[in-house]
Each structure stands twice: as C-alpha cells, then as structure tokens.
Amino acid sequence: MQFNPNSTFLYLVATAVILFVLAQSVFFLVRAYKRGKELGMTDQKLKKTILSTAIFTIAPAVSILIGIVTLSKFLGIPLPWIRLSVIGALTYELPAATSTANALGVSLSEMITDPKVYTAIAWVMTLGIMPSIILPPILMKKIQGGMLKLKNKDSKWSDIFMTSMFLGMISAFLGMVFSDIRSGIAGWIPIFVLLFSAVLMGVCGLLIKKCKMVWLETYALSISMVGAMAFAAIITPILV
C-alpha cells in the first residue's frame, strides 16, 4: 500500500496535538487574567491587553498559514500543521525540509510518497530544533544574568549588544532569502517586499510621531508584516 502523507491517522495525530496546544493556551490565558486581577489591573486594561495581543498575532498567523500551504505541497497537511502550530518558524521548517530532500536527491515539486524520505524529513525537523528546546532552561539564567550585569555597567553597550544579536539572527536567513537575486527580476521580489515593509513601518512611525497616534505603536509591526505579505502576493504573479 502506498504511503499517504494525508492519511486519516496522521490527521488524528495532528488534531490531538493542536487540541493540546489550544488547551494549553486557554489555561495560561486564564492564569494570566487571574494574576492580572490579583495585581490590581482593571478589567478594561486586561481586555485592552488581550485585544492588542490578539491583533499582534494576526501577522504571524498569516505567515504560518502560508508556511503550511507551502509545505503541504510535498509533505501533506498533517505534518506541517503540527510543526508550525507548535514551533511556528517557517524560516527553520522549510530549510530543514529542503536540505533533507536535496541530500536524498528528492524533488519537492510533487507529493512525497516514500515513507523513508518522509520520515527522514520529519526526523531532521525534529532533531534540528531540539537544541532550542533543551538549551534555554539550562543557559537562560546565566545569559540573563550576564545581560543584566552588562546593562547595569553600561546601558548603551547593552542596547548595542542586544541589537547586534537580533540583526545577527536575521542575517542568518538572508542568504537563503536573497539566494536567487541573480536569476532576474523575480529574484528581487524579497528585496521589493523588504523595502515595502520598511516603507510601511516608516509611515507608521511618522503617524505616531507627527499625528500623535500613540495607539499605533502596538500595531505597527503587524501592519508592516501583513502589508508586506499582501504586497508579495500581488507582485509575485506579475514578476514570476
């Protein structure tokens, strides 16, 4: 019998995992709400916090949905659904799947029906992310202690160090994003999207500073991300 990445069994496993994630989210939401009440936060402030946080998650949710659609073309829906619902990092999942498929000499242009290839990709995705699960509880306290000492000693250097770490993390993925820049106008799509996102963030910054739209600070990042995704969806069919 041919292996089916969209089998009923895999859907049942995926559903069980997603329900667990949702139950965990509800549990901590209730705990956080009760803790806020204990600290003296008003219902209005708590509801505003919940609303702004929910809106902030729209952009990442859209990117995760796009990631599931992308991966489902060759891995089916259950595995990407599980992976991105729990991890939520397309910047890791797609390169892990692609590099494994390339190593095995398998094309990702069609659905994978070889159980060995499917299992290999799933294992690489799982094992590759394990350090980020195991190391933070072990090293986080020392890292936070070091950052606190640096901040107390020199706050400016602390800010520069944190900014450098963030930019370094982003730069790690730029090679993959801009790898096709020499292939023609289509290879420039990521740069066009990046510039459009920067323009949207700049517009939000001007509105906040010049028009005193302070409330926009909470949603500026989400607006730039969603706007950039919409822009990419518009220009990609035109330029490809």
Protein backbone atom coordinates (compact mmCIF):
# COMPACT_ATOMS: atom_id res chain seq x y z
CA MET A 1 0.00 0.00 0.00
CA GLN A 2 1.36 3.43 -0.97
CA PHE A 3 2.24 5.82 1.84
CA ASN A 4 -0.18 8.76 2.13
CA PRO A 5 1.04 11.96 3.90
CA ASN A 6 -2.62 12.98 4.25
CA SER A 7 -3.81 9.76 5.85
CA THR A 8 -6.62 9.77 8.41
CA PHE A 9 -4.24 8.53 11.13
CA LEU A 10 -1.89 11.49 10.63
CA TYR A 11 -4.86 13.87 10.71
CA LEU A 12 -5.98 12.36 14.02
CA VAL A 13 -2.48 12.77 15.48
CA ALA A 14 -2.32 16.36 14.23
CA THR A 15 -5.75 17.14 15.67
CA ALA A 16 -4.74 15.75 19.08
CA VAL A 17 -1.60 17.90 19.12
CA ILE A 18 -3.47 21.05 18.06
CA LEU A 19 -6.15 20.49 20.72
CA PHE A 20 -3.42 20.15 23.34
CA VAL A 21 -1.81 23.40 22.18
CA LEU A 22 -5.18 25.20 22.29
CA ALA A 23 -5.94 23.81 25.74
CA GLN A 24 -2.52 24.96 26.94
CA SER A 25 -3.14 28.44 25.51
CA VAL A 26 -6.52 28.74 27.23
CA PHE A 27 -5.04 27.50 30.51
CA PHE A 28 -2.30 30.14 30.57
CA LEU A 29 -4.68 32.86 29.36
CA VAL A 30 -6.96 32.20 32.33
CA ARG A 31 -3.97 32.06 34.70
CA ALA A 32 -2.61 35.33 33.33
CA TYR A 33 -6.01 37.03 33.60
CA LYS A 34 -6.42 35.96 37.23
CA ARG A 35 -2.86 37.06 38.03
CA GLY A 36 -3.56 40.45 36.47
CA LYS A 37 -6.61 40.86 38.68
CA GLU A 38 -4.51 39.95 41.72
CA LEU A 39 -2.02 42.67 40.78
CA GLY A 40 -4.80 45.25 40.66
CA MET A 41 -5.24 45.59 36.89
CA THR A 42 -8.70 46.77 35.82
CA ASP A 43 -10.97 44.75 33.55
CA GLN A 44 -10.66 47.45 30.89
CA LYS A 45 -6.86 47.28 30.91
CA LEU A 46 -6.87 43.48 30.83
CA LYS A 47 -9.31 43.39 27.90
CA LYS A 48 -7.24 46.00 26.05
CA THR A 49 -4.10 43.93 26.60
CA ILE A 50 -5.81 40.77 25.38
CA LEU A 51 -7.18 42.56 22.30
CA SER A 52 -3.88 44.18 21.34
CA THR A 53 -2.04 40.89 21.82
CA ALA A 54 -4.60 39.02 19.71
CA ILE A 55 -4.27 41.58 16.92
CA PHE A 56 -0.47 41.35 17.12
CA THR A 57 -0.68 37.59 16.46
CA ILE A 58 -2.56 38.06 13.16
CA ALA A 59 0.59 38.69 11.10
CA PRO A 60 2.50 35.67 12.43
CA ALA A 61 -0.63 33.55 11.99
CA VAL A 62 -0.88 34.55 8.34
CA SER A 63 2.78 33.69 7.76
CA ILE A 64 2.28 30.32 9.47
CA LEU A 65 -0.75 29.63 7.27
CA ILE A 66 1.32 30.45 4.19
CA GLY A 67 4.02 28.12 5.51
CA ILE A 68 1.56 25.27 5.95
CA VAL A 69 0.28 25.76 2.40
CA THR A 70 3.85 25.80 1.07
CA LEU A 71 4.97 22.66 2.92
CA SER A 72 1.71 20.81 2.28
CA LYS A 73 2.51 20.65 -1.43
CA PHE A 74 5.07 17.90 -0.76
CA LEU A 75 4.58 16.89 2.90
CA GLY A 76 0.79 16.85 3.08
CA ILE A 77 -1.14 18.88 5.64
CA PRO A 78 -0.82 16.99 8.98
CA LEU A 79 2.98 17.23 9.48
CA PRO A 80 3.32 20.95 8.56
CA TRP A 81 0.18 21.64 10.60
CA ILE A 82 1.76 20.06 13.67
CA ARG A 83 5.20 21.54 13.14
CA LEU A 84 4.15 25.14 12.51
CA SER A 85 1.41 25.13 15.13
CA VAL A 86 3.93 24.12 17.80
CA ILE A 87 7.16 25.72 16.54
CA GLY A 88 5.75 28.42 14.29
CA ALA A 89 9.03 29.08 12.45
CA LEU A 90 8.84 28.74 8.68
CA THR A 91 12.38 30.11 8.48
CA TYR A 92 13.52 26.84 10.10
CA GLU A 93 11.00 24.28 8.88
CA LEU A 94 11.28 24.97 5.14
CA PRO A 95 15.11 25.00 5.01
CA ALA A 96 15.23 21.79 7.10
CA ALA A 97 12.82 20.01 4.74
CA THR A 98 14.53 21.38 1.63
CA SER A 99 18.07 20.48 2.71
CA THR A 100 16.99 16.93 3.65
CA ALA A 101 15.20 16.43 0.33
CA ASN A 102 18.22 17.75 -1.58
CA ALA A 103 20.54 15.42 0.33
CA LEU A 104 18.32 12.48 -0.60
CA GLY A 105 18.02 13.64 -4.21
CA VAL A 106 14.26 14.07 -3.97
CA SER A 107 12.26 16.75 -5.78
CA LEU A 108 9.87 18.86 -3.74
CA SER A 109 7.72 19.71 -6.74
CA GLU A 110 5.36 16.81 -6.01
CA MET A 111 3.91 14.95 -3.02
CA ILE A 112 6.34 12.68 -1.18
CA THR A 113 5.02 9.12 -1.10
CA ASP A 114 8.22 7.37 0.00
CA PRO A 115 7.87 6.71 3.75
CA LYS A 116 11.68 6.68 4.23
CA VAL A 117 12.05 10.16 2.73
CA TYR A 118 9.05 11.45 4.69
CA THR A 119 10.43 10.00 7.93
CA ALA A 120 13.90 11.41 7.26
CA ILE A 121 12.49 14.92 6.76
CA ALA A 122 10.38 14.62 9.92
CA TRP A 123 13.41 13.45 11.94
CA VAL A 124 15.64 16.26 10.67
CA MET A 125 12.94 18.82 11.51
CA THR A 126 12.59 17.34 15.00
CA LEU A 127 16.24 16.78 15.90
CA GLY A 128 17.37 20.08 14.42
CA ILE A 129 15.11 22.08 16.72
CA MET A 130 15.99 20.13 19.89
CA PRO A 131 18.89 22.40 20.99
CA SER A 132 16.47 25.35 21.18
CA ILE A 133 14.25 23.27 23.46
CA ILE A 134 16.95 21.80 25.69
CA LEU A 135 19.49 24.65 26.00
CA PRO A 136 17.28 27.62 27.08
CA PRO A 137 16.32 26.14 30.50
CA ILE A 138 19.99 25.32 31.09
CA LEU A 139 21.64 28.51 29.83
CA MET A 140 18.92 31.17 30.07
CA LYS A 141 19.60 32.09 33.69
CA LYS A 142 23.32 32.63 33.00
CA ILE A 143 22.57 34.59 29.82
CA GLN A 144 20.03 36.82 31.56
CA GLY A 145 22.45 37.34 34.47
CA GLY A 146 25.20 38.37 32.06
CA MET A 147 22.88 40.73 30.20
CA LEU A 148 21.72 42.30 33.47
CA LYS A 149 25.32 42.87 34.59
CA LEU A 150 26.16 44.44 31.23
CA LYS A 151 23.09 46.68 31.41
CA ASN A 152 23.92 47.84 34.95
CA LYS A 153 27.51 48.51 33.91
CA ASP A 154 26.82 50.25 30.60
CA SER A 155 23.24 50.51 29.32
CA LYS A 156 24.31 51.81 25.89
CA TRP A 157 26.59 48.84 25.23
CA SER A 158 23.81 46.56 26.43
CA ASP A 159 21.40 48.02 23.86
CA ILE A 160 24.04 47.75 21.11
CA PHE A 161 24.75 44.13 22.05
CA MET A 162 21.07 43.17 22.00
CA THR A 163 20.55 44.91 18.66
CA SER A 164 23.59 43.13 17.24
CA MET A 165 22.28 39.76 18.39
CA PHE A 166 18.91 40.45 16.79
CA LEU A 167 20.45 41.58 13.49
CA GLY A 168 22.78 38.58 13.52
CA MET A 169 19.81 36.25 13.93
CA ILE A 170 18.04 37.88 10.99
CA SER A 171 21.20 37.89 8.85
CA ALA A 172 21.46 34.12 9.22
CA PHE A 173 18.44 33.77 6.92
CA LEU A 174 19.29 36.49 4.42
CA GLY A 175 21.46 34.16 2.35
CA MET A 176 18.52 31.85 1.72
CA VAL A 177 16.07 34.69 1.08
CA PHE A 178 18.32 36.53 -1.38
CA SER A 179 19.99 33.49 -2.96
CA ASP A 180 18.16 33.96 -6.29
CA ILE A 181 18.87 37.65 -6.70
CA ARG A 182 20.97 36.99 -9.84
CA SER A 183 18.25 34.96 -11.51
CA GLY A 184 16.45 38.01 -12.85
CA ILE A 185 13.68 40.33 -11.75
CA ALA A 186 11.88 37.52 -9.91
CA GLY A 187 14.91 37.13 -7.65
CA TRP A 188 14.41 40.71 -6.46
CA ILE A 189 10.95 40.01 -5.04
CA PRO A 190 12.26 39.56 -1.46
CA ILE A 191 14.05 42.91 -1.67
CA PHE A 192 10.94 44.66 -3.02
CA VAL A 193 8.89 43.13 -0.20
CA LEU A 194 11.53 44.14 2.37
CA LEU A 195 11.57 47.74 1.10
CA PHE A 196 7.76 47.91 1.07
CA SER A 197 7.64 46.64 4.65
CA ALA A 198 10.21 49.28 5.66
CA VAL A 199 8.12 51.99 3.98
CA LEU A 200 5.01 50.87 5.86
CA MET A 201 6.91 50.90 9.15
CA GLY A 202 8.23 54.37 8.32
CA VAL A 203 4.72 55.63 7.60
CA CYS A 204 3.51 54.21 10.91
CA GLY A 205 6.44 55.91 12.65
CA LEU A 206 5.54 59.26 11.10
CA LEU A 207 1.89 58.87 12.07
CA ILE A 208 2.90 58.08 15.64
CA LYS A 209 5.36 60.98 15.89
CA LYS A 210 3.67 63.69 13.82
CA CYS A 211 -0.01 62.85 14.25
CA LYS A 212 0.32 61.66 17.86
CA MET A 213 -1.30 58.30 17.01
CA VAL A 214 0.27 56.59 20.01
CA TRP A 215 -2.13 53.65 19.80
CA LEU A 216 -0.46 52.70 16.51
CA GLU A 217 2.71 51.65 18.35
CA THR A 218 1.02 48.38 19.31
CA TYR A 219 0.01 47.52 15.75
CA ALA A 220 2.84 48.99 13.61
CA LEU A 221 4.75 45.71 13.32
CA SER A 222 1.61 43.73 12.49
CA ILE A 223 0.60 46.29 9.85
CA SER A 224 4.01 46.21 8.17
CA MET A 225 4.11 42.39 8.19
CA VAL A 226 0.59 41.88 6.84
CA GLY A 227 1.06 44.67 4.31
CA ALA A 228 4.32 43.12 3.09
CA MET A 229 2.65 39.72 2.72
CA ALA A 230 -0.19 41.25 0.70
CA PHE A 231 2.33 43.13 -1.45
CA ALA A 232 4.27 39.90 -2.07
CA ALA A 233 1.07 38.13 -3.09
CA ILE A 234 0.32 40.91 -5.58
CA ILE A 235 3.73 41.34 -7.23
CA THR A 236 4.81 37.67 -7.32
CA PRO A 237 2.35 36.60 -10.09
CA ILE A 238 3.29 39.73 -12.03
CA LEU A 239 7.07 39.29 -11.89
CA VAL A 240 7.37 35.49 -11.99
